[in-house]
Amino acid sequence: MIGGDLFINREPLKTGFRIELADDSDLVIVPVVENPDQDAPMEDHFLDRTKLERQLFGAYYLFPDMGFFKISACPPALPQEYFSPQKKNVIPSSQITDFLNTCGATLKAEPSIIVDESLLNRETVNLYEKWWLATRRYPVRKYR
């Protein structure tokens, strides 16, 4: 308790990244933090960290009705050029193959990365996964 009004919660909030497909077919990597409201709908289970900057105090987020919550650190193995805890990153559609070549194994293995369901349900992703399982290598494309 701080001053009898603001509570410091003991359990840290999980952090991670959500990968979404933009309308123009670019990938958007959004830093997220777990929603402390246990009654929030499933689609609001993780909140966009870029929209909560005014609530960030060092390693704590302040949720006025619930108090302060410490945030867990992002995994250090993620490439910083794509995964920033403070800003969204856009991967242009022309660079998605390079992104997958660099980060594909991490995307499959890292539990703090949430891939948007609408992206997972796309036929291209399903075909890519079948191809990946069959060959265990990434596609190489040369554009002229």
Protein backbone atom coordinates (compact mmCIF):
# COMPACT_ATOMS: atom_id res chain seq x y z
CA MET A 1 0.00 0.00 0.00
CA ILE A 2 1.18 3.49 -0.82
CA GLY A 3 -0.47 6.22 1.21
CA GLY A 4 -3.33 3.88 2.00
CA ASP A 5 -4.80 4.30 -1.50
CA LEU A 6 -2.59 2.67 -4.12
CA PHE A 7 -1.92 -1.02 -3.92
CA ILE A 8 1.26 -2.66 -5.28
CA ASN A 9 0.32 -6.09 -6.60
CA ARG A 10 2.74 -8.95 -5.99
CA GLU A 11 2.13 -10.86 -9.22
CA PRO A 12 3.86 -9.30 -12.25
CA LEU A 13 1.96 -8.91 -15.50
CA LYS A 14 3.21 -10.94 -18.43
CA THR A 15 4.50 -9.07 -21.46
CA GLY A 16 4.94 -10.19 -25.03
CA PHE A 17 4.18 -9.34 -28.62
CA ARG A 18 1.15 -9.76 -30.86
CA ILE A 19 1.68 -10.21 -34.60
CA GLU A 20 -1.17 -8.91 -36.75
CA LEU A 21 -1.77 -8.59 -40.46
CA ALA A 22 -2.50 -5.03 -41.57
CA ASP A 23 -5.03 -4.20 -44.30
CA ASP A 24 -2.18 -3.62 -46.77
CA SER A 25 -0.71 -7.11 -46.05
CA ASP A 26 2.13 -5.82 -43.90
CA LEU A 27 2.85 -7.53 -40.59
CA VAL A 28 2.56 -5.39 -37.47
CA ILE A 29 4.38 -6.40 -34.28
CA VAL A 30 2.64 -4.88 -31.25
CA PRO A 31 4.14 -4.97 -27.74
CA VAL A 32 1.48 -6.17 -25.28
CA VAL A 33 0.98 -6.55 -21.55
CA GLU A 34 -1.40 -8.86 -19.73
CA ASN A 35 -4.67 -7.22 -18.71
CA PRO A 36 -4.95 -7.29 -14.88
CA ASP A 37 -8.76 -7.39 -15.14
CA GLN A 38 -9.58 -11.09 -14.79
CA ASP A 39 -13.12 -10.45 -16.05
CA ALA A 40 -12.01 -8.86 -19.34
CA PRO A 41 -13.23 -10.55 -22.52
CA MET A 42 -10.77 -12.94 -24.20
CA GLU A 43 -9.92 -10.46 -26.99
CA ASP A 44 -8.80 -7.95 -24.32
CA HIS A 45 -6.64 -10.44 -22.39
CA PHE A 46 -3.55 -8.54 -23.62
CA LEU A 47 -3.37 -4.76 -23.98
CA ASP A 48 -1.35 -2.70 -26.46
CA ARG A 49 1.59 -1.27 -24.47
CA THR A 50 1.95 1.71 -26.82
CA LYS A 51 -1.46 2.93 -25.65
CA LEU A 52 -0.49 2.67 -21.96
CA GLU A 53 2.62 4.89 -21.93
CA ARG A 54 1.05 7.41 -19.55
CA GLN A 55 0.42 4.61 -17.06
CA LEU A 56 4.02 3.36 -17.06
CA PHE A 57 6.16 4.26 -14.04
CA GLY A 58 9.54 2.57 -14.36
CA ALA A 59 8.87 -1.18 -14.27
CA TYR A 60 5.26 -0.68 -13.09
CA TYR A 61 1.94 0.05 -14.78
CA LEU A 62 -0.68 1.95 -12.83
CA PHE A 63 -4.26 0.84 -13.31
CA PRO A 64 -6.20 3.44 -11.27
CA ASP A 65 -8.87 1.07 -9.95
CA MET A 66 -6.43 -1.78 -9.23
CA GLY A 67 -3.11 -0.23 -8.23
CA PHE A 68 0.45 -0.78 -9.49
CA PHE A 69 1.55 -3.90 -11.34
CA LYS A 70 5.15 -4.83 -12.01
CA ILE A 71 5.78 -6.04 -15.56
CA SER A 72 7.87 -9.05 -16.44
CA ALA A 73 10.85 -8.47 -18.71
CA CYS A 74 10.66 -9.33 -22.40
CA PRO A 75 12.67 -12.37 -23.46
CA PRO A 76 16.24 -11.28 -24.31
CA ALA A 77 16.57 -13.68 -27.27
CA LEU A 78 14.21 -11.69 -29.49
CA PRO A 79 15.84 -9.54 -32.21
CA GLN A 80 15.50 -5.92 -31.08
CA GLU A 81 15.13 -4.60 -34.63
CA TYR A 82 11.72 -6.30 -34.77
CA PHE A 83 10.66 -6.64 -31.13
CA SER A 84 10.67 -3.36 -29.19
CA PRO A 85 8.80 -3.14 -25.87
CA GLN A 86 7.97 0.54 -26.50
CA LYS A 87 6.86 0.77 -30.13
CA LYS A 88 5.02 -1.03 -32.88
CA ASN A 89 7.11 -2.34 -35.76
CA VAL A 90 5.83 -2.82 -39.27
CA ILE A 91 7.27 -5.48 -41.55
CA PRO A 92 6.43 -4.49 -45.15
CA SER A 93 4.89 -7.31 -47.17
CA SER A 94 7.97 -7.33 -49.43
CA GLN A 95 10.17 -8.16 -46.41
CA ILE A 96 8.03 -10.85 -44.74
CA THR A 97 10.10 -13.69 -46.23
CA ASP A 98 13.30 -12.16 -44.82
CA PHE A 99 11.57 -11.69 -41.47
CA LEU A 100 10.49 -15.35 -41.43
CA ASN A 101 14.00 -16.45 -42.40
CA THR A 102 15.39 -14.47 -39.46
CA CYS A 103 12.70 -15.09 -36.84
CA GLY A 104 10.65 -18.09 -38.00
CA ALA A 105 12.01 -20.55 -35.45
CA THR A 106 11.61 -17.98 -32.66
CA LEU A 107 7.99 -17.30 -33.64
CA LYS A 108 7.18 -20.98 -33.24
CA ALA A 109 9.11 -21.49 -30.00
CA GLU A 110 8.61 -18.27 -28.00
CA PRO A 111 5.46 -18.43 -25.81
CA SER A 112 5.33 -14.65 -25.36
CA ILE A 113 4.56 -14.13 -29.07
CA ILE A 114 0.87 -14.18 -29.93
CA VAL A 115 0.03 -14.56 -33.60
CA ASP A 116 -3.34 -13.08 -34.54
CA GLU A 117 -5.93 -15.81 -35.22
CA SER A 118 -7.02 -14.19 -38.49
CA LEU A 119 -3.44 -14.53 -39.73
CA LEU A 120 -3.18 -18.16 -38.61
CA ASN A 121 -6.41 -19.06 -40.40
CA ARG A 122 -5.23 -17.82 -43.77
CA GLU A 123 -4.74 -20.45 -46.45
CA THR A 124 -1.24 -19.14 -47.27
CA VAL A 125 -0.09 -19.71 -43.70
CA ASN A 126 -1.56 -23.22 -43.72
CA LEU A 127 0.23 -24.04 -46.97
CA TYR A 128 3.45 -22.55 -45.61
CA GLU A 129 3.20 -24.67 -42.45
CA LYS A 130 2.63 -27.85 -44.49
CA TRP A 131 5.62 -26.99 -46.64
CA TRP A 132 7.72 -26.15 -43.57
CA LEU A 133 6.87 -29.47 -41.87
CA ALA A 134 7.70 -31.39 -45.05
CA THR A 135 11.02 -29.67 -45.84
CA ARG A 136 12.19 -28.03 -42.58
CA ARG A 137 13.63 -25.11 -44.54
CA TYR A 138 12.51 -21.60 -45.37
CA PRO A 139 11.49 -20.49 -48.86
CA VAL A 140 14.01 -18.51 -50.84
CA ARG A 141 12.63 -16.05 -53.35
CA LYS A 142 14.53 -13.74 -55.62
CA TYR A 143 12.64 -10.75 -56.90
CA ARG A 144 13.80 -8.97 -60.03
